[in-house]
PDB file of N, CA and C in Angstrom:
ATOM      1  N   MET A   1      50.985 -35.171 -63.344  1.00  0.00           N
ATOM      2  CA  MET A   1      49.640 -34.835 -63.769  1.00  0.00           C
ATOM      3  C   MET A   1      48.757 -34.767 -62.527  1.00  0.00           C
ATOM      4  N   VAL A   2      48.125 -33.620 -62.337  1.00  0.00           N
ATOM      5  CA  VAL A   2      47.239 -33.420 -61.195  1.00  0.00           C
ATOM      6  C   VAL A   2      45.822 -33.735 -61.630  1.00  0.00           C
ATOM      7  N   THR A   3      45.145 -34.569 -60.871  1.00  0.00           N
ATOM      8  CA  THR A   3      43.774 -34.940 -61.225  1.00  0.00           C
ATOM      9  C   THR A   3      42.811 -34.513 -60.139  1.00  0.00           C
ATOM     10  N   ALA A   4      41.561 -34.838 -60.363  1.00  0.00           N
ATOM     11  CA  ALA A   4      40.510 -34.493 -59.404  1.00  0.00           C
ATOM     12  C   ALA A   4      40.708 -35.200 -58.071  1.00  0.00           C
ATOM     13  N   LEU A   5      41.550 -36.215 -58.012  1.00  0.00           N
ATOM     14  CA  LEU A   5      41.815 -36.873 -56.736  1.00  0.00           C
ATOM     15  C   LEU A   5      42.362 -35.883 -55.721  1.00  0.00           C
ATOM     16  N   ALA A   6      43.113 -34.910 -56.184  1.00  0.00           N
ATOM     17  CA  ALA A   6      43.634 -33.888 -55.285  1.00  0.00           C
ATOM     18  C   ALA A   6      42.500 -33.098 -54.650  1.00  0.00           C
ATOM     19  N   LEU A   7      41.393 -32.962 -55.344  1.00  0.00           N
ATOM     20  CA  LEU A   7      40.250 -32.238 -54.797  1.00  0.00           C
ATOM     21  C   LEU A   7      39.700 -32.931 -53.570  1.00  0.00           C
ATOM     22  N   VAL A   8      39.608 -34.255 -53.632  1.00  0.00           N
ATOM     23  CA  VAL A   8      39.078 -34.993 -52.495  1.00  0.00           C
ATOM     24  C   VAL A   8      40.024 -34.874 -51.318  1.00  0.00           C
ATOM     25  N   ALA A   9      41.309 -34.955 -51.569  1.00  0.00           N
ATOM     26  CA  ALA A   9      42.263 -34.818 -50.482  1.00  0.00           C
ATOM     27  C   ALA A   9      42.157 -33.437 -49.852  1.00  0.00           C
ATOM     28  N   ALA A  10      41.968 -32.424 -50.680  1.00  0.00           N
ATOM     29  CA  ALA A  10      41.850 -31.067 -50.164  1.00  0.00           C
ATOM     30  C   ALA A  10      40.541 -30.859 -49.420  1.00  0.00           C
ATOM     31  N   ALA A  11      39.481 -31.493 -49.894  1.00  0.00           N
ATOM     32  CA  ALA A  11      38.170 -31.314 -49.273  1.00  0.00           C
ATOM     33  C   ALA A  11      38.028 -32.136 -48.004  1.00  0.00           C
ATOM     34  N   GLY A  12      38.777 -33.210 -47.904  1.00  0.00           N
ATOM     35  CA  GLY A  12      38.690 -34.061 -46.735  1.00  0.00           C
ATOM     36  C   GLY A  12      37.619 -35.118 -46.875  1.00  0.00           C
ATOM     37  N   CYS A  13      37.615 -36.038 -45.932  1.00  0.00           N
ATOM     38  CA  CYS A  13      36.643 -37.117 -45.918  1.00  0.00           C
ATOM     39  C   CYS A  13      35.732 -36.939 -44.728  1.00  0.00           C
ATOM     40  N   GLY A  14      34.836 -37.884 -44.576  1.00  0.00           N
ATOM     41  CA  GLY A  14      34.002 -37.883 -43.394  1.00  0.00           C
ATOM     42  C   GLY A  14      32.560 -37.553 -43.660  1.00  0.00           C
ATOM     43  N   GLY A  15      32.240 -37.018 -44.816  1.00  0.00           N
ATOM     44  CA  GLY A  15      30.852 -36.706 -45.103  1.00  0.00           C
ATOM     45  C   GLY A  15      30.108 -37.938 -45.556  1.00  0.00           C
ATOM     46  N   SER A  16      28.933 -38.129 -45.024  1.00  0.00           N
ATOM     47  CA  SER A  16      28.100 -39.234 -45.469  1.00  0.00           C
ATOM     48  C   SER A  16      27.364 -38.827 -46.719  1.00  0.00           C
ATOM     49  N   HIS A  17      27.165 -39.754 -47.637  1.00  0.00           N
ATOM     50  CA  HIS A  17      26.419 -39.426 -48.842  1.00  0.00           C
ATOM     51  C   HIS A  17      25.105 -40.176 -48.900  1.00  0.00           C
ATOM     52  N   HIS A  18      24.556 -40.525 -47.751  1.00  0.00           N
ATOM     53  CA  HIS A  18      23.276 -41.211 -47.708  1.00  0.00           C
ATOM     54  C   HIS A  18      22.139 -40.222 -47.859  1.00  0.00           C
ATOM     55  N   PRO A  19      21.024 -40.651 -48.459  1.00  0.00           N
ATOM     56  CA  PRO A  19      19.882 -39.755 -48.624  1.00  0.00           C
ATOM     57  C   PRO A  19      19.365 -39.261 -47.280  1.00  0.00           C
ATOM     58  N   PRO A  20      18.769 -38.047 -47.260  1.00  0.00           N
ATOM     59  CA  PRO A  20      18.239 -37.506 -46.013  1.00  0.00           C
ATOM     60  C   PRO A  20      17.245 -38.476 -45.377  1.00  0.00           C
ATOM     61  N   GLY A  21      17.338 -38.638 -44.079  1.00  0.00           N
ATOM     62  CA  GLY A  21      16.424 -39.499 -43.352  1.00  0.00           C
ATOM     63  C   GLY A  21      16.833 -40.953 -43.303  1.00  0.00           C
ATOM     64  N   GLU A  22      17.835 -41.358 -44.073  1.00  0.00           N
ATOM     65  CA  GLU A  22      18.275 -42.754 -44.048  1.00  0.00           C
ATOM     66  C   GLU A  22      19.203 -42.959 -42.866  1.00  0.00           C
ATOM     67  N   SER A  23      18.968 -44.010 -42.125  1.00  0.00           N
ATOM     68  CA  SER A  23      19.774 -44.310 -40.960  1.00  0.00           C
ATOM     69  C   SER A  23      21.118 -44.873 -41.391  1.00  0.00           C
ATOM     70  N   VAL A  24      22.157 -44.421 -40.738  1.00  0.00           N
ATOM     71  CA  VAL A  24      23.501 -44.912 -41.011  1.00  0.00           C
ATOM     72  C   VAL A  24      23.990 -45.595 -39.749  1.00  0.00           C
ATOM     73  N   GLY A  25      24.328 -46.879 -39.849  1.00  0.00           N
ATOM     74  CA  GLY A  25      24.678 -47.668 -38.682  1.00  0.00           C
ATOM     75  C   GLY A  25      26.030 -47.350 -38.083  1.00  0.00           C
ATOM     76  N   VAL A  26      26.979 -46.929 -38.887  1.00  0.00           N
ATOM     77  CA  VAL A  26      28.302 -46.602 -38.395  1.00  0.00           C
ATOM     78  C   VAL A  26      28.692 -45.252 -38.946  1.00  0.00           C
ATOM     79  N   SER A  27      29.657 -44.649 -38.340  1.00  0.00           N
ATOM     80  CA  SER A  27      30.146 -43.359 -38.819  1.00  0.00           C
ATOM     81  C   SER A  27      31.008 -43.598 -40.052  1.00  0.00           C
ATOM     82  N   ALA A  28      30.509 -43.184 -41.193  1.00  0.00           N
ATOM     83  CA  ALA A  28      31.223 -43.415 -42.447  1.00  0.00           C
ATOM     84  C   ALA A  28      32.369 -42.434 -42.590  1.00  0.00           C
ATOM     85  N   SER A  29      33.496 -42.916 -43.061  1.00  0.00           N
ATOM     86  CA  SER A  29      34.608 -42.020 -43.333  1.00  0.00           C
ATOM     87  C   SER A  29      35.055 -42.149 -44.782  1.00  0.00           C
ATOM     88  N   CYS A  30      34.279 -42.825 -45.603  1.00  0.00           N
ATOM     89  CA  CYS A  30      34.601 -42.925 -47.014  1.00  0.00           C
ATOM     90  C   CYS A  30      34.416 -41.569 -47.682  1.00  0.00           C
ATOM     91  N   ALA A  31      35.280 -41.276 -48.612  1.00  0.00           N
ATOM     92  CA  ALA A  31      35.133 -40.043 -49.387  1.00  0.00           C
ATOM     93  C   ALA A  31      33.876 -40.166 -50.237  1.00  0.00           C
ATOM     94  N   PRO A  32      33.118 -39.081 -50.392  1.00  0.00           N
ATOM     95  CA  PRO A  32      31.921 -39.149 -51.225  1.00  0.00           C
ATOM     96  C   PRO A  32      32.299 -39.466 -52.668  1.00  0.00           C
ATOM     97  N   ALA A  33      31.582 -40.395 -53.261  1.00  0.00           N
ATOM     98  CA  ALA A  33      31.853 -40.806 -54.634  1.00  0.00           C
ATOM     99  C   ALA A  33      30.539 -41.113 -55.334  1.00  0.00           C
ATOM    100  N   LEU A  34      30.557 -41.031 -56.652  1.00  0.00           N
ATOM    101  CA  LEU A  34      29.381 -41.263 -57.477  1.00  0.00           C
ATOM    102  C   LEU A  34      29.821 -42.005 -58.730  1.00  0.00           C
ATOM    103  N   GLU A  35      29.100 -43.050 -59.086  1.00  0.00           N
ATOM    104  CA  GLU A  35      29.345 -43.738 -60.349  1.00  0.00           C
ATOM    105  C   GLU A  35      28.265 -43.291 -61.322  1.00  0.00           C
ATOM    106  N   TYR A  36      28.701 -42.729 -62.456  1.00  0.00           N
ATOM    107  CA  TYR A  36      27.757 -42.233 -63.451  1.00  0.00           C
ATOM    108  C   TYR A  36      28.340 -42.470 -64.846  1.00  0.00           C
ATOM    109  N   ASP A  37      27.532 -42.995 -65.730  1.00  0.00           N
ATOM    110  CA  ASP A  37      27.905 -43.193 -67.128  1.00  0.00           C
ATOM    111  C   ASP A  37      29.218 -43.961 -67.281  1.00  0.00           C
ATOM    112  N   GLY A  38      29.429 -44.948 -66.410  1.00  0.00           N
ATOM    113  CA  GLY A  38      30.608 -45.794 -66.497  1.00  0.00           C
ATOM    114  C   GLY A  38      31.878 -45.191 -65.928  1.00  0.00           C
ATOM    115  N   HIS A  39      31.762 -44.073 -65.216  1.00  0.00           N
ATOM    116  CA  HIS A  39      32.942 -43.404 -64.657  1.00  0.00           C
ATOM    117  C   HIS A  39      32.736 -43.126 -63.179  1.00  0.00           C
ATOM    118  N   LEU A  40      33.848 -42.962 -62.461  1.00  0.00           N
ATOM    119  CA  LEU A  40      33.809 -42.616 -61.050  1.00  0.00           C
ATOM    120  C   LEU A  40      34.020 -41.111 -60.907  1.00  0.00           C
ATOM    121  N   TYR A  41      33.143 -40.484 -60.148  1.00  0.00           N
ATOM    122  CA  TYR A  41      33.226 -39.053 -59.838  1.00  0.00           C
ATOM    123  C   TYR A  41      33.442 -38.929 -58.342  1.00  0.00           C
ATOM    124  N   LEU A  42      34.324 -38.026 -57.948  1.00  0.00           N
ATOM    125  CA  LEU A  42      34.648 -37.841 -56.538  1.00  0.00           C
ATOM    126  C   LEU A  42      34.068 -36.526 -56.040  1.00  0.00           C
ATOM    127  N   GLY A  43      33.458 -36.564 -54.868  1.00  0.00           N
ATOM    128  CA  GLY A  43      32.811 -35.386 -54.315  1.00  0.00           C
ATOM    129  C   GLY A  43      33.809 -34.396 -53.763  1.00  0.00           C
ATOM    130  N   SER A  44      33.527 -33.127 -54.006  1.00  0.00           N
ATOM    131  CA  SER A  44      34.343 -32.046 -53.491  1.00  0.00           C
ATOM    132  C   SER A  44      33.425 -30.892 -53.122  1.00  0.00           C
ATOM    133  N   ARG A  45      33.856 -30.050 -52.213  1.00  0.00           N
ATOM    134  CA  ARG A  45      33.049 -28.902 -51.813  1.00  0.00           C
ATOM    135  C   ARG A  45      32.809 -27.998 -53.014  1.00  0.00           C
ATOM    136  N   ALA A  46      31.539 -27.683 -53.241  1.00  0.00           N
ATOM    137  CA  ALA A  46      31.161 -26.842 -54.371  1.00  0.00           C
ATOM    138  C   ALA A  46      31.546 -25.393 -54.106  1.00  0.00           C
ATOM    139  N   GLY A  47      32.007 -24.741 -55.155  1.00  0.00           N
ATOM    140  CA  GLY A  47      32.291 -23.318 -55.074  1.00  0.00           C
ATOM    141  C   GLY A  47      31.003 -22.522 -55.267  1.00  0.00           C
ATOM    142  N   GLU A  48      31.119 -21.228 -55.206  1.00  0.00           N
ATOM    143  CA  GLU A  48      29.960 -20.336 -55.306  1.00  0.00           C
ATOM    144  C   GLU A  48      29.291 -20.383 -56.678  1.00  0.00           C
ATOM    145  N   GLY A  49      30.018 -20.785 -57.714  1.00  0.00           N
ATOM    146  CA  GLY A  49      29.485 -20.739 -59.067  1.00  0.00           C
ATOM    147  C   GLY A  49      28.730 -21.968 -59.528  1.00  0.00           C
ATOM    148  N   VAL A  50      28.444 -22.904 -58.646  1.00  0.00           N
ATOM    149  CA  VAL A  50      27.788 -24.142 -59.049  1.00  0.00           C
ATOM    150  C   VAL A  50      26.277 -23.937 -59.116  1.00  0.00           C
ATOM    151  N   VAL A  51      25.725 -24.174 -60.318  1.00  0.00           N
ATOM    152  CA  VAL A  51      24.291 -24.061 -60.544  1.00  0.00           C
ATOM    153  C   VAL A  51      23.830 -25.339 -61.232  1.00  0.00           C
ATOM    154  N   GLN A  52      22.749 -25.930 -60.717  1.00  0.00           N
ATOM    155  CA  GLN A  52      22.206 -27.149 -61.317  1.00  0.00           C
ATOM    156  C   GLN A  52      21.567 -26.840 -62.654  1.00  0.00           C
ATOM    157  N   ASP A  53      21.777 -27.744 -63.618  1.00  0.00           N
ATOM    158  CA  ASP A  53      21.192 -27.629 -64.946  1.00  0.00           C
ATOM    159  C   ASP A  53      20.313 -28.860 -65.188  1.00  0.00           C
ATOM    160  N   ALA A  54      20.257 -29.335 -66.400  1.00  0.00           N
ATOM    161  CA  ALA A  54      19.354 -30.415 -66.819  1.00  0.00           C
ATOM    162  C   ALA A  54      19.629 -31.744 -66.133  1.00  0.00           C
ATOM    163  N   SER A  55      18.563 -32.516 -65.994  1.00  0.00           N
ATOM    164  CA  SER A  55      18.659 -33.873 -65.470  1.00  0.00           C
ATOM    165  C   SER A  55      19.423 -34.743 -66.457  1.00  0.00           C
ATOM    166  N   LEU A  56      20.278 -35.632 -65.936  1.00  0.00           N
ATOM    167  CA  LEU A  56      21.092 -36.500 -66.791  1.00  0.00           C
ATOM    168  C   LEU A  56      20.712 -37.969 -66.693  1.00  0.00           C
ATOM    169  N   GLY A  57      19.877 -38.321 -65.742  1.00  0.00           N
ATOM    170  CA  GLY A  57      19.529 -39.730 -65.561  1.00  0.00           C
ATOM    171  C   GLY A  57      19.972 -40.215 -64.204  1.00  0.00           C
ATOM    172  N   ARG A  58      20.263 -41.521 -64.129  1.00  0.00           N
ATOM    173  CA  ARG A  58      20.579 -42.150 -62.853  1.00  0.00           C
ATOM    174  C   ARG A  58      22.066 -42.422 -62.702  1.00  0.00           C
ATOM    175  N   GLY A  59      22.510 -42.371 -61.468  1.00  0.00           N
ATOM    176  CA  GLY A  59      23.856 -42.743 -61.085  1.00  0.00           C
ATOM    177  C   GLY A  59      23.747 -43.506 -59.781  1.00  0.00           C
ATOM    178  N   SER A  60      24.865 -43.894 -59.205  1.00  0.00           N
ATOM    179  CA  SER A  60      24.796 -44.593 -57.922  1.00  0.00           C
ATOM    180  C   SER A  60      25.950 -44.179 -57.022  1.00  0.00           C
ATOM    181  N   LEU A  61      25.627 -44.151 -55.736  1.00  0.00           N
ATOM    182  CA  LEU A  61      26.624 -43.892 -54.709  1.00  0.00           C
ATOM    183  C   LEU A  61      27.111 -45.249 -54.232  1.00  0.00           C
ATOM    184  N   PRO A  62      28.387 -45.568 -54.465  1.00  0.00           N
ATOM    185  CA  PRO A  62      28.895 -46.874 -54.051  1.00  0.00           C
ATOM    186  C   PRO A  62      28.814 -47.022 -52.534  1.00  0.00           C
ATOM    187  N   SER A  63      28.665 -48.258 -52.075  1.00  0.00           N
ATOM    188  CA  SER A  63      28.639 -48.490 -50.637  1.00  0.00           C
ATOM    189  C   SER A  63      30.012 -48.185 -50.052  1.00  0.00           C
ATOM    190  N   CYS A  64      30.015 -47.854 -48.775  1.00  0.00           N
ATOM    191  CA  CYS A  64      31.252 -47.524 -48.072  1.00  0.00           C
ATOM    192  C   CYS A  64      31.715 -48.767 -47.323  1.00  0.00           C
ATOM    193  N   ASP A  65      32.920 -49.199 -47.580  1.00  0.00           N
ATOM    194  CA  ASP A  65      33.422 -50.448 -47.009  1.00  0.00           C
ATOM    195  C   ASP A  65      34.536 -50.187 -45.997  1.00  0.00           C
ATOM    196  N   ASP A  66      34.391 -49.153 -45.155  1.00  0.00           N
ATOM    197  CA  ASP A  66      35.449 -48.878 -44.188  1.00  0.00           C
ATOM    198  C   ASP A  66      35.084 -49.262 -42.764  1.00  0.00           C
ATOM    199  N   GLY A  67      33.992 -49.996 -42.581  1.00  0.00           N
ATOM    200  CA  GLY A  67      33.540 -50.366 -41.240  1.00  0.00           C
ATOM    201  C   GLY A  67      34.216 -51.593 -40.671  1.00  0.00           C
ATOM    202  N   GLY A  68      35.109 -52.195 -41.401  1.00  0.00           N
ATOM    203  CA  GLY A  68      35.787 -53.386 -40.917  1.00  0.00           C
ATOM    204  C   GLY A  68      35.113 -54.640 -41.418  1.00  0.00           C
ATOM    205  N   PRO A  69      35.719 -55.797 -41.137  1.00  0.00           N
ATOM    206  CA  PRO A  69      35.213 -57.063 -41.677  1.00  0.00           C
ATOM    207  C   PRO A  69      33.868 -57.489 -41.092  1.00  0.00           C
ATOM    208  N   ASP A  70      33.481 -56.944 -39.938  1.00  0.00           N
ATOM    209  CA  ASP A  70      32.235 -57.362 -39.310  1.00  0.00           C
ATOM    210  C   ASP A  70      31.052 -56.463 -39.659  1.00  0.00           C
ATOM    211  N   VAL A  71      31.276 -55.450 -40.503  1.00  0.00           N
ATOM    212  CA  VAL A  71      30.215 -54.503 -40.839  1.00  0.00           C
ATOM    213  C   VAL A  71      29.846 -54.654 -42.314  1.00  0.00           C
ATOM    214  N   ASP A  72      28.561 -54.892 -42.565  1.00  0.00           N
ATOM    215  CA  ASP A  72      28.056 -54.992 -43.935  1.00  0.00           C
ATOM    216  C   ASP A  72      27.983 -53.591 -44.521  1.00  0.00           C
ATOM    217  N   PRO A  73      28.692 -53.322 -45.630  1.00  0.00           N
ATOM    218  CA  PRO A  73      28.683 -51.971 -46.186  1.00  0.00           C
ATOM    219  C   PRO A  73      27.344 -51.585 -46.811  1.00  0.00           C
ATOM    220  N   GLY A  74      26.467 -52.544 -47.031  1.00  0.00           N
ATOM    221  CA  GLY A  74      25.165 -52.247 -47.616  1.00  0.00           C
ATOM    222  C   GLY A  74      25.258 -52.067 -49.117  1.00  0.00           C
ATOM    223  N   PRO A  75      24.111 -51.914 -49.749  1.00  0.00           N
ATOM    224  CA  PRO A  75      24.098 -51.777 -51.211  1.00  0.00           C
ATOM    225  C   PRO A  75      24.423 -50.362 -51.660  1.00  0.00           C
ATOM    226  N   ALA A  76      24.753 -50.237 -52.921  1.00  0.00           N
ATOM    227  CA  ALA A  76      24.908 -48.913 -53.525  1.00  0.00           C
ATOM    228  C   ALA A  76      23.536 -48.243 -53.527  1.00  0.00           C
ATOM    229  N   ILE A  77      23.514 -46.928 -53.564  1.00  0.00           N
ATOM    230  CA  ILE A  77      22.272 -46.165 -53.551  1.00  0.00           C
ATOM    231  C   ILE A  77      22.106 -45.470 -54.894  1.00  0.00           C
ATOM    232  N   ASP A  78      20.996 -45.740 -55.589  1.00  0.00           N
ATOM    233  CA  ASP A  78      20.731 -45.089 -56.866  1.00  0.00           C
ATOM    234  C   ASP A  78      20.178 -43.693 -56.627  1.00  0.00           C
ATOM    235  N   ILE A  79      20.675 -42.727 -57.411  1.00  0.00           N
ATOM    236  CA  ILE A  79      20.244 -41.339 -57.280  1.00  0.00           C
ATOM    237  C   ILE A  79      20.034 -40.731 -58.667  1.00  0.00           C
ATOM    238  N   ASP A  80      19.348 -39.586 -58.705  1.00  0.00           N
ATOM    239  CA  ASP A  80      19.211 -38.815 -59.937  1.00  0.00           C
ATOM    240  C   ASP A  80      20.397 -37.870 -60.040  1.00  0.00           C
ATOM    241  N   VAL A  81      20.949 -37.765 -61.240  1.00  0.00           N
ATOM    242  CA  VAL A  81      22.128 -36.948 -61.491  1.00  0.00           C
ATOM    243  C   VAL A  81      21.739 -35.782 -62.391  1.00  0.00           C
ATOM    244  N   ALA A  82      22.327 -34.619 -62.132  1.00  0.00           N
ATOM    245  CA  ALA A  82      22.064 -33.428 -62.940  1.00  0.00           C
ATOM    246  C   ALA A  82      23.378 -32.823 -63.416  1.00  0.00           C
ATOM    247  N   ALA A  83      23.297 -32.102 -64.508  1.00  0.00           N
ATOM    248  CA  ALA A  83      24.454 -31.391 -65.040  1.00  0.00           C
ATOM    249  C   ALA A  83      24.736 -30.157 -64.193  1.00  0.00           C
ATOM    250  N   VAL A  84      25.969 -29.704 -64.248  1.00  0.00           N
ATOM    251  CA  VAL A  84      26.366 -28.422 -63.678  1.00  0.00           C
ATOM    252  C   VAL A  84      26.296 -27.420 -64.826  1.00  0.00           C
ATOM    253  N   ALA A  85      25.581 -26.330 -64.644  1.00  0.00           N
ATOM    254  CA  ALA A  85      25.436 -25.329 -65.703  1.00  0.00           C
ATOM    255  C   ALA A  85      26.809 -24.869 -66.204  1.00  0.00           C
ATOM    256  N   GLY A  86      26.992 -24.952 -67.509  1.00  0.00           N
ATOM    257  CA  GLY A  86      28.223 -24.490 -68.133  1.00  0.00           C
ATOM    258  C   GLY A  86      29.389 -25.452 -68.073  1.00  0.00           C
ATOM    259  N   VAL A  87      29.168 -26.669 -67.558  1.00  0.00           N
ATOM    260  CA  VAL A  87      30.251 -27.650 -67.415  1.00  0.00           C
ATOM    261  C   VAL A  87      29.808 -28.959 -68.055  1.00  0.00           C
ATOM    262  N   SER A  88      30.670 -29.570 -68.836  1.00  0.00           N
ATOM    263  CA  SER A  88      30.369 -30.851 -69.467  1.00  0.00           C
ATOM    264  C   SER A  88      30.180 -31.930 -68.406  1.00  0.00           C
ATOM    265  N   PRO A  89      29.162 -32.795 -68.566  1.00  0.00           N
ATOM    266  CA  PRO A  89      28.995 -33.914 -67.632  1.00  0.00           C
ATOM    267  C   PRO A  89      30.190 -34.876 -67.632  1.00  0.00           C
ATOM    268  N   SER A  90      31.046 -34.795 -68.632  1.00  0.00           N
ATOM    269  CA  SER A  90      32.250 -35.618 -68.633  1.00  0.00           C
ATOM    270  C   SER A  90      33.289 -35.059 -67.665  1.00  0.00           C
ATOM    271  N   VAL A  91      33.014 -33.889 -67.089  1.00  0.00           N
ATOM    272  CA  VAL A  91      33.918 -33.268 -66.120  1.00  0.00           C
ATOM    273  C   VAL A  91      33.316 -33.269 -64.714  1.00  0.00           C
ATOM    274  N   ALA A  92      32.049 -32.833 -64.584  1.00  0.00           N
ATOM    275  CA  ALA A  92      31.445 -32.727 -63.257  1.00  0.00           C
ATOM    276  C   ALA A  92      29.926 -32.839 -63.346  1.00  0.00           C
ATOM    277  N   VAL A  93      29.323 -33.357 -62.271  1.00  0.00           N
ATOM    278  CA  VAL A  93      27.876 -33.506 -62.171  1.00  0.00           C
ATOM    279  C   VAL A  93      27.443 -33.211 -60.731  1.00  0.00           C
ATOM    280  N   LEU A  94      26.125 -33.142 -60.538  1.00  0.00           N
ATOM    281  CA  LEU A  94      25.548 -32.920 -59.213  1.00  0.00           C
ATOM    282  C   LEU A  94      24.554 -34.020 -58.884  1.00  0.00           C
ATOM    283  N   TRP A  95      24.306 -34.218 -57.604  1.00  0.00           N
ATOM    284  CA  TRP A  95      23.212 -35.055 -57.136  1.00  0.00           C
ATOM    285  C   TRP A  95      21.981 -34.181 -57.281  1.00  0.00           C
ATOM    286  N   GLN A  96      21.097 -34.520 -58.210  1.00  0.00           N
ATOM    287  CA  GLN A  96      19.966 -33.679 -58.586  1.00  0.00           C
ATOM    288  C   GLN A  96      19.089 -33.315 -57.394  1.00  0.00           C
ATOM    289  N   ASP A  97      18.786 -32.043 -57.276  1.00  0.00           N
ATOM    290  CA  ASP A  97      17.889 -31.497 -56.256  1.00  0.00           C
ATOM    291  C   ASP A  97      18.327 -31.782 -54.826  1.00  0.00           C
ATOM    292  N   ARG A  98      19.553 -32.145 -54.633  1.00  0.00           N
ATOM    293  CA  ARG A  98      20.063 -32.459 -53.287  1.00  0.00           C
ATOM    294  C   ARG A  98      20.200 -31.187 -52.460  1.00  0.00           C
ATOM    295  N   GLY A  99      20.664 -30.112 -53.099  1.00  0.00           N
ATOM    296  CA  GLY A  99      20.804 -28.859 -52.384  1.00  0.00           C
ATOM    297  C   GLY A  99      21.943 -28.846 -51.383  1.00  0.00           C
ATOM    298  N   ASP A 100      22.887 -29.788 -51.501  1.00  0.00           N
ATOM    299  CA  ASP A 100      24.013 -29.748 -50.572  1.00  0.00           C
ATOM    300  C   ASP A 100      25.196 -29.034 -51.219  1.00  0.00           C
ATOM    301  N   ASP A 101      26.313 -29.117 -50.595  1.00  0.00           N
ATOM    302  CA  ASP A 101      27.463 -28.351 -51.055  1.00  0.00           C
ATOM    303  C   ASP A 101      28.517 -29.204 -51.754  1.00  0.00           C
ATOM    304  N   LEU A 102      28.078 -30.304 -52.395  1.00  0.00           N
ATOM    305  CA  LEU A 102      29.033 -31.150 -53.109  1.00  0.00           C
ATOM    306  C   LEU A 102      28.830 -31.075 -54.609  1.00  0.00           C
ATOM    307  N   VAL A 103      29.933 -31.086 -55.310  1.00  0.00           N
ATOM    308  CA  VAL A 103      29.939 -31.283 -56.749  1.00  0.00           C
ATOM    309  C   VAL A 103      30.798 -32.523 -56.973  1.00  0.00           C
ATOM    310  N   TYR A 104      30.376 -33.384 -57.887  1.00  0.00           N
ATOM    311  CA  TYR A 104      31.113 -34.623 -58.164  1.00  0.00           C
ATOM    312  C   TYR A 104      31.933 -34.427 -59.431  1.00  0.00           C
ATOM    313  N   VAL A 105      33.253 -34.511 -59.290  1.00  0.00           N
ATOM    314  CA  VAL A 105      34.192 -34.273 -60.381  1.00  0.00           C
ATOM    315  C   VAL A 105      34.778 -35.606 -60.817  1.00  0.00           C
ATOM    316  N   ARG A 106      34.760 -35.855 -62.129  1.00  0.00           N
ATOM    317  CA  ARG A 106      35.273 -37.126 -62.642  1.00  0.00           C
ATOM    318  C   ARG A 106      36.719 -37.316 -62.209  1.00  0.00           C
ATOM    319  N   GLU A 107      37.026 -38.507 -61.734  1.00  0.00           N
ATOM    320  CA  GLU A 107      38.331 -38.775 -61.127  1.00  0.00           C
ATOM    321  C   GLU A 107      39.509 -38.515 -62.051  1.00  0.00           C
ATOM    322  N   ASP A 108      39.303 -38.603 -63.351  1.00  0.00           N
ATOM    323  CA  ASP A 108      40.420 -38.383 -64.280  1.00  0.00           C
ATOM    324  C   ASP A 108      40.367 -37.009 -64.944  1.00  0.00           C
ATOM    325  N   ALA A 109      39.549 -36.102 -64.420  1.00  0.00           N
ATOM    326  CA  ALA A 109      39.465 -34.752 -64.979  1.00  0.00           C
ATOM    327  C   ALA A 109      40.703 -33.954 -64.590  1.00  0.00           C
ATOM    328  N   GLU A 110      41.207 -33.196 -65.511  1.00  0.00           N
ATOM    329  CA  GLU A 110      42.334 -32.311 -65.235  1.00  0.00           C
ATOM    330  C   GLU A 110      41.828 -31.086 -64.491  1.00  0.00           C
ATOM    331  N   LEU A 111      42.531 -30.674 -63.455  1.00  0.00           N
ATOM    332  CA  LEU A 111      42.114 -29.499 -62.699  1.00  0.00           C
ATOM    333  C   LEU A 111      42.003 -28.265 -63.592  1.00  0.00           C
ATOM    334  N   GLY A 112      42.855 -28.177 -64.598  1.00  0.00           N
ATOM    335  CA  GLY A 112      42.812 -27.038 -65.515  1.00  0.00           C
ATOM    336  C   GLY A 112      41.530 -26.980 -66.341  1.00  0.00           C
ATOM    337  N   SER A 113      40.804 -28.110 -66.421  1.00  0.00           N
ATOM    338  CA  SER A 113      39.563 -28.127 -67.200  1.00  0.00           C
ATOM    339  C   SER A 113      38.365 -27.652 -66.390  1.00  0.00           C
ATOM    340  N   LEU A 114      38.573 -27.391 -65.099  1.00  0.00           N
ATOM    341  CA  LEU A 114      37.469 -26.962 -64.230  1.00  0.00           C
ATOM    342  C   LEU A 114      37.381 -25.443 -64.187  1.00  0.00           C
ATOM    343  N   PRO A 115      36.156 -24.914 -64.268  1.00  0.00           N
ATOM    344  CA  PRO A 115      36.003 -23.470 -64.064  1.00  0.00           C
ATOM    345  C   PRO A 115      36.515 -23.106 -62.666  1.00  0.00           C
ATOM    346  N   PRO A 116      37.149 -21.969 -62.509  1.00  0.00           N
ATOM    347  CA  PRO A 116      37.763 -21.618 -61.224  1.00  0.00           C
ATOM    348  C   PRO A 116      36.787 -21.562 -60.051  1.00  0.00           C
ATOM    349  N   ASP A 117      35.515 -21.277 -60.300  1.00  0.00           N
ATOM    350  CA  ASP A 117      34.560 -21.173 -59.196  1.00  0.00           C
ATOM    351  C   ASP A 117      33.747 -22.455 -58.984  1.00  0.00           C
ATOM    352  N   LEU A 118      34.141 -23.570 -59.630  1.00  0.00           N
ATOM    353  CA  LEU A 118      33.411 -24.823 -59.485  1.00  0.00           C
ATOM    354  C   LEU A 118      33.640 -25.494 -58.140  1.00  0.00           C
ATOM    355  N   VAL A 119      34.877 -25.516 -57.689  1.00  0.00           N
ATOM    356  CA  VAL A 119      35.200 -26.167 -56.417  1.00  0.00           C
ATOM    357  C   VAL A 119      35.984 -25.206 -55.534  1.00  0.00           C
ATOM    358  N   GLU A 120      35.801 -25.394 -54.211  1.00  0.00           N
ATOM    359  CA  GLU A 120      36.603 -24.621 -53.264  1.00  0.00           C
ATOM    360  C   GLU A 120      38.029 -25.139 -53.324  1.00  0.00           C
ATOM    361  N   ARG A 121      38.972 -24.264 -53.166  1.00  0.00           N
ATOM    362  CA  ARG A 121      40.384 -24.686 -53.193  1.00  0.00           C
ATOM    363  C   ARG A 121      41.072 -24.285 -51.929  1.00  0.00           C
TER     364      ARG A 121
END
């Protein structure tokens, strides 16, 4: 069974998911992730067909704990979450008004349930 975890592996790691202007003390290499509605969503490069839809409420970006034992990973960051037009929020969501190139796909979503233009492959 292929899941959205393959998307993160294909997209790679290294992107920071901190809000614009926030200082980051170490170079984060954690894969972008979002906790929303009791589920974990993994960030992947958005395809050309991703359009933001209605606001869904709040989610949080978990802290990144890859700095070693001497580095405080800091708290999770609360963000506004939005739907992806034409896609159920149980499959994928966006960081509302972020304007970046990530779409967050639920970790247990089947790749076959994603519209072909939702994520880069």
